[in-house]
Structures are given as C-alpha cells and as structure tokens.
Amino acid sequence: MNARAEVTRMGKIIDEMFRFFLKNFMKPDRKIGEMVKQVKELEELTDQMQEEISKYLVHCFQDDLSETNAKAVHTMMRVVHELESVGDSIYKLMVLLKKKHDKSITFHSMAEEDLRAYSNLVKEFIDMYNNHLTRQFNTRELEQAYSIENEVNRLRHSLSKSARKRLQKGSDVQSELLYMDLVKSLENIGDYSLNIAQALRQMGDK
C-alpha cells in the first residue's frame, strides 16, 4: 500500500462529499434522498479506508523506522482519523438537509445567506489541507489554519446568537434548531480541519 497516496485519495473523497452538501444547500434537489444515500456510501468508504490505512501504518511501526519516518507514520494515523470524523460530520449535514427538504423547513433569507458564507469558509479550510495532505505544513500555513479556525468560531458564535434572537422574536423553533445543528456540524468540521493542520505541521520532511 502507498499510504500517502491513500490518504490523498481519502481527502479527495471527503472533498467530493462536501461538494454534495454545498450543491444541495445552494439548490435543494427533489432527489436529495438519493444524494444522501450516495454520501452515506462515501462515508462508509472513508470508514473502511481509515481502518485499512491504520492497520497498514500499525504494521509499519513494527519495522525499524527512522525517527523522521516514525513521526510521518504517526501523523498519517492522526490525519486519517480526523478525515473520517470530517466524513461523519458531512453525512450528518446531508441528513439535516434532507430533514429540511422533507419537512419544507425554510430559513430567514439573511440566515440562509450567512450559512452559505459559513459553508464556503469551511470549504476553504478543507481545500487548504487537501492541497498538501502528505507534506509538512510550514509555520505560515499553520498560522493561516489558525486564522481560518478563529473565523469559523467567530461566525459560529455570531450565527448561533442570531438564531437565538430570532427565536426570542417568535421565529419557528424547528427551523432555528435545525439551523443551529447545521452550524454546529460545520464548526465540528473546522475543528477537525485544524487538527489535521496541526498534525501536518509535526510531520517529518520525508
């Protein structure tokens, strides 16, 4: 197994899953049930890949590895774990979108616009780590990751606060709770993405 190639492939699958979410959020499709099924299949594939890659990497630890290579193996194990968590969160996002569609739940126009911007920010984070999943982050790149994560957290606080204010003014409870669930799942992806960036900063050069 070429572990680094498999990690890169796993990252591309995660990206494809998030694109499914963005596509359905931007333009809800009556076939969303079928798309949720496709994302579930991809999520199950990432589960399988995590298991297979991790088993291979554990086997590598049995070899006489240099300190640099041992560090790289440990990093890849952490990265595949975090990628699998991202996949779980994206599947949850798709399930929430299906609920929104099935129950004909609508968001306030400004709230939907804010959530679209938030989703795009998370996509930027995914793109960032995917562009160099198998090499070491430099200091500037890690600082950029922290900057994106800080913005993810700031927006999560802002969007959740806005939802609570709408509730106080009599907004639909089901709508706002679903909205906050979407925000929380997106924030979780931001957390996992930062964990990946931190791990890649520790990776050995080889």
Protein backbone atom coordinates (compact mmCIF):
# COMPACT_ATOMS: atom_id res chain seq x y z
CA MET A 1 0.00 0.00 0.00
CA ASN A 2 1.14 3.53 -0.79
CA ALA A 3 -0.19 5.04 2.42
CA ARG A 4 0.36 8.65 1.42
CA ALA A 5 -1.48 8.14 -1.88
CA GLU A 6 -4.37 6.53 0.00
CA VAL A 7 -4.53 9.45 2.45
CA THR A 8 -4.68 11.84 -0.51
CA ARG A 9 -7.45 9.73 -2.07
CA MET A 10 -9.36 9.80 1.19
CA GLY A 11 -9.07 13.58 1.26
CA LYS A 12 -10.48 13.80 -2.27
CA ILE A 13 -13.45 11.64 -1.27
CA ILE A 14 -14.12 13.94 1.68
CA ASP A 15 -13.99 16.91 -0.70
CA GLU A 16 -16.48 15.21 -3.01
CA MET A 17 -18.82 14.62 -0.08
CA PHE A 18 -18.70 18.27 0.93
CA ARG A 19 -19.41 19.32 -2.65
CA PHE A 20 -22.57 17.20 -2.49
CA PHE A 21 -23.58 19.14 0.62
CA LEU A 22 -22.85 22.53 -0.97
CA LYS A 23 -24.73 21.62 -4.12
CA ASN A 24 -27.82 20.58 -2.20
CA PHE A 25 -27.67 23.51 0.18
CA MET A 26 -27.35 26.06 -2.61
CA LYS A 27 -30.03 24.41 -4.74
CA PRO A 28 -32.19 21.81 -2.98
CA ASP A 29 -32.96 18.87 -5.23
CA ARG A 30 -36.06 16.71 -5.11
CA LYS A 31 -33.68 13.74 -5.43
CA ILE A 32 -31.91 14.64 -2.20
CA GLY A 33 -32.76 11.22 -0.73
CA GLU A 34 -30.68 9.56 -3.43
CA MET A 35 -27.84 12.01 -2.82
CA VAL A 36 -27.92 11.31 0.92
CA LYS A 37 -27.56 7.63 0.03
CA GLN A 38 -24.54 8.40 -2.17
CA VAL A 39 -22.89 10.42 0.59
CA LYS A 40 -23.58 7.60 3.06
CA GLU A 41 -21.83 5.17 0.72
CA LEU A 42 -18.83 7.52 0.52
CA GLU A 43 -18.85 7.92 4.31
CA GLU A 44 -18.78 4.14 4.70
CA LEU A 45 -15.89 4.02 2.23
CA THR A 46 -13.92 6.51 4.35
CA ASP A 47 -14.61 4.35 7.40
CA GLN A 48 -13.18 1.36 5.56
CA MET A 49 -10.19 3.35 4.31
CA GLN A 50 -9.42 4.58 7.82
CA GLU A 51 -9.38 1.01 9.09
CA GLU A 52 -7.23 -0.32 6.26
CA ILE A 53 -4.74 2.56 6.27
CA SER A 54 -4.44 2.43 10.06
CA LYS A 55 -3.78 -1.32 10.02
CA TYR A 56 -1.04 -0.81 7.44
CA LEU A 57 0.52 2.03 9.43
CA VAL A 58 0.48 -0.01 12.65
CA HIS A 59 2.32 -2.73 10.72
CA CYS A 60 4.88 -0.12 9.65
CA PHE A 61 5.63 0.62 13.30
CA GLN A 62 6.90 -2.95 13.60
CA ASP A 63 9.67 -2.11 11.16
CA ASP A 64 12.87 -0.39 12.15
CA LEU A 65 11.83 3.15 11.23
CA SER A 66 13.93 6.26 11.47
CA GLU A 67 12.65 8.95 13.83
CA THR A 68 11.51 11.02 10.85
CA ASN A 69 9.60 8.15 9.24
CA ALA A 70 8.06 7.13 12.57
CA LYS A 71 6.82 10.69 13.00
CA ALA A 72 5.35 10.65 9.47
CA VAL A 73 3.54 7.36 10.16
CA HIS A 74 2.10 8.70 13.42
CA THR A 75 0.95 11.86 11.63
CA MET A 76 -0.82 9.90 8.92
CA MET A 77 -2.65 7.83 11.53
CA ARG A 78 -3.91 11.01 13.16
CA VAL A 79 -4.84 12.57 9.82
CA VAL A 80 -6.92 9.60 8.65
CA HIS A 81 -8.74 9.60 11.99
CA GLU A 82 -9.62 13.28 11.60
CA LEU A 83 -10.62 12.80 7.95
CA GLU A 84 -13.01 10.05 8.97
CA SER A 85 -14.54 12.44 11.52
CA VAL A 86 -14.99 15.06 8.80
CA GLY A 87 -16.80 12.45 6.71
CA ASP A 88 -19.14 11.66 9.60
CA SER A 89 -19.98 15.35 10.01
CA ILE A 90 -20.67 15.82 6.30
CA TYR A 91 -23.06 12.89 6.32
CA LYS A 92 -24.85 14.48 9.28
CA LEU A 93 -25.11 17.72 7.29
CA MET A 94 -26.76 15.84 4.43
CA VAL A 95 -29.24 14.18 6.80
CA LEU A 96 -30.13 17.61 8.18
CA LEU A 97 -30.64 18.96 4.67
CA LYS A 98 -32.95 16.06 3.88
CA LYS A 99 -34.95 16.83 7.02
CA LYS A 100 -35.17 20.47 5.92
CA HIS A 101 -36.38 19.37 2.50
CA ASP A 102 -38.82 16.70 3.69
CA LYS A 103 -40.44 18.96 6.28
CA SER A 104 -40.42 22.01 3.97
CA ILE A 105 -38.47 24.00 6.56
CA THR A 106 -37.35 27.44 5.47
CA PHE A 107 -34.73 29.77 6.90
CA HIS A 108 -34.82 33.54 7.19
CA SER A 109 -33.23 34.92 4.00
CA MET A 110 -30.37 36.60 5.88
CA ALA A 111 -29.81 33.45 7.94
CA GLU A 112 -29.52 31.37 4.78
CA GLU A 113 -27.06 33.83 3.29
CA ASP A 114 -24.95 33.73 6.47
CA LEU A 115 -24.96 29.93 6.47
CA ARG A 116 -23.89 29.89 2.82
CA ALA A 117 -20.90 32.11 3.65
CA TYR A 118 -20.09 29.90 6.64
CA SER A 119 -20.19 26.77 4.46
CA ASN A 120 -17.84 28.38 1.95
CA LEU A 121 -15.39 29.25 4.73
CA VAL A 122 -15.34 25.62 5.86
CA LYS A 123 -14.82 24.57 2.24
CA GLU A 124 -11.78 26.88 2.15
CA PHE A 125 -10.40 25.03 5.18
CA ILE A 126 -10.94 21.65 3.51
CA ASP A 127 -9.25 22.89 0.33
CA MET A 128 -6.32 24.19 2.35
CA TYR A 129 -5.35 20.91 3.96
CA ASN A 130 -6.26 18.86 0.88
CA ASN A 131 -3.73 20.78 -1.19
CA HIS A 132 -0.87 19.29 0.80
CA LEU A 133 -2.10 16.33 2.81
CA THR A 134 1.16 14.42 2.57
CA ARG A 135 3.75 17.06 3.29
CA GLN A 136 4.68 19.14 6.28
CA PHE A 137 2.83 22.41 6.90
CA ASN A 138 5.18 25.36 7.31
CA THR A 139 4.73 27.97 10.02
CA ARG A 140 2.89 30.42 7.73
CA GLU A 141 0.44 27.74 6.63
CA LEU A 142 -0.29 26.72 10.21
CA GLU A 143 -0.88 30.38 11.10
CA GLN A 144 -3.32 30.58 8.19
CA ALA A 145 -5.10 27.49 9.54
CA TYR A 146 -5.44 29.10 12.96
CA SER A 147 -6.78 32.24 11.30
CA ILE A 148 -9.46 30.28 9.44
CA GLU A 149 -10.37 28.35 12.59
CA ASN A 150 -10.72 31.61 14.55
CA GLU A 151 -13.07 32.91 11.87
CA VAL A 152 -15.04 29.65 11.92
CA ASN A 153 -15.51 30.01 15.68
CA ARG A 154 -16.36 33.72 15.45
CA LEU A 155 -19.03 33.08 12.83
CA ARG A 156 -20.44 30.11 14.73
CA HIS A 157 -20.93 32.38 17.75
CA SER A 158 -22.47 35.11 15.59
CA LEU A 159 -24.82 32.78 13.72
CA SER A 160 -25.95 30.99 16.88
CA LYS A 161 -26.57 34.33 18.59
CA SER A 162 -28.65 35.50 15.63
CA ALA A 163 -30.71 32.28 15.76
CA ARG A 164 -31.42 32.80 19.46
CA LYS A 165 -32.52 36.37 18.78
CA ARG A 166 -34.88 35.20 16.05
CA LEU A 167 -36.34 32.66 18.46
CA GLN A 168 -36.95 35.40 21.02
CA LYS A 169 -38.84 37.32 18.35
CA GLY A 170 -41.09 34.36 17.60
CA SER A 171 -39.26 32.61 14.79
CA ASP A 172 -40.12 28.98 14.04
CA VAL A 173 -38.49 26.76 16.66
CA GLN A 174 -37.98 23.76 14.38
CA SER A 175 -36.33 25.95 11.75
CA GLU A 176 -33.92 27.62 14.16
CA LEU A 177 -32.95 24.37 15.91
CA LEU A 178 -32.17 22.76 12.56
CA TYR A 179 -30.19 25.85 11.61
CA MET A 180 -28.11 25.63 14.78
CA ASP A 181 -27.50 21.92 14.17
CA LEU A 182 -26.12 22.76 10.71
CA VAL A 183 -23.90 25.47 12.19
CA LYS A 184 -22.59 23.07 14.85
CA SER A 185 -21.74 20.34 12.34
CA LEU A 186 -19.89 22.87 10.17
CA GLU A 187 -17.98 24.08 13.23
CA ASN A 188 -17.00 20.48 14.00
CA ILE A 189 -15.50 20.18 10.52
CA GLY A 190 -13.49 23.31 11.24
CA ASP A 191 -12.17 21.73 14.45
CA TYR A 192 -11.16 18.53 12.66
CA SER A 193 -9.53 20.55 9.88
CA LEU A 194 -7.39 22.42 12.40
CA ASN A 195 -6.39 19.10 13.96
CA ILE A 196 -5.24 17.93 10.52
CA ALA A 197 -3.24 21.13 10.00
CA GLN A 198 -1.59 20.75 13.42
CA ALA A 199 -0.70 17.14 12.66
CA LEU A 200 0.79 18.05 9.28
CA ARG A 201 2.94 20.72 10.95
CA GLN A 202 4.54 17.92 13.00
CA MET A 203 5.12 15.61 10.03
CA GLY A 204 8.67 14.73 9.16
CA ASP A 205 10.01 16.06 5.88
CA LYS A 206 10.25 12.65 4.23
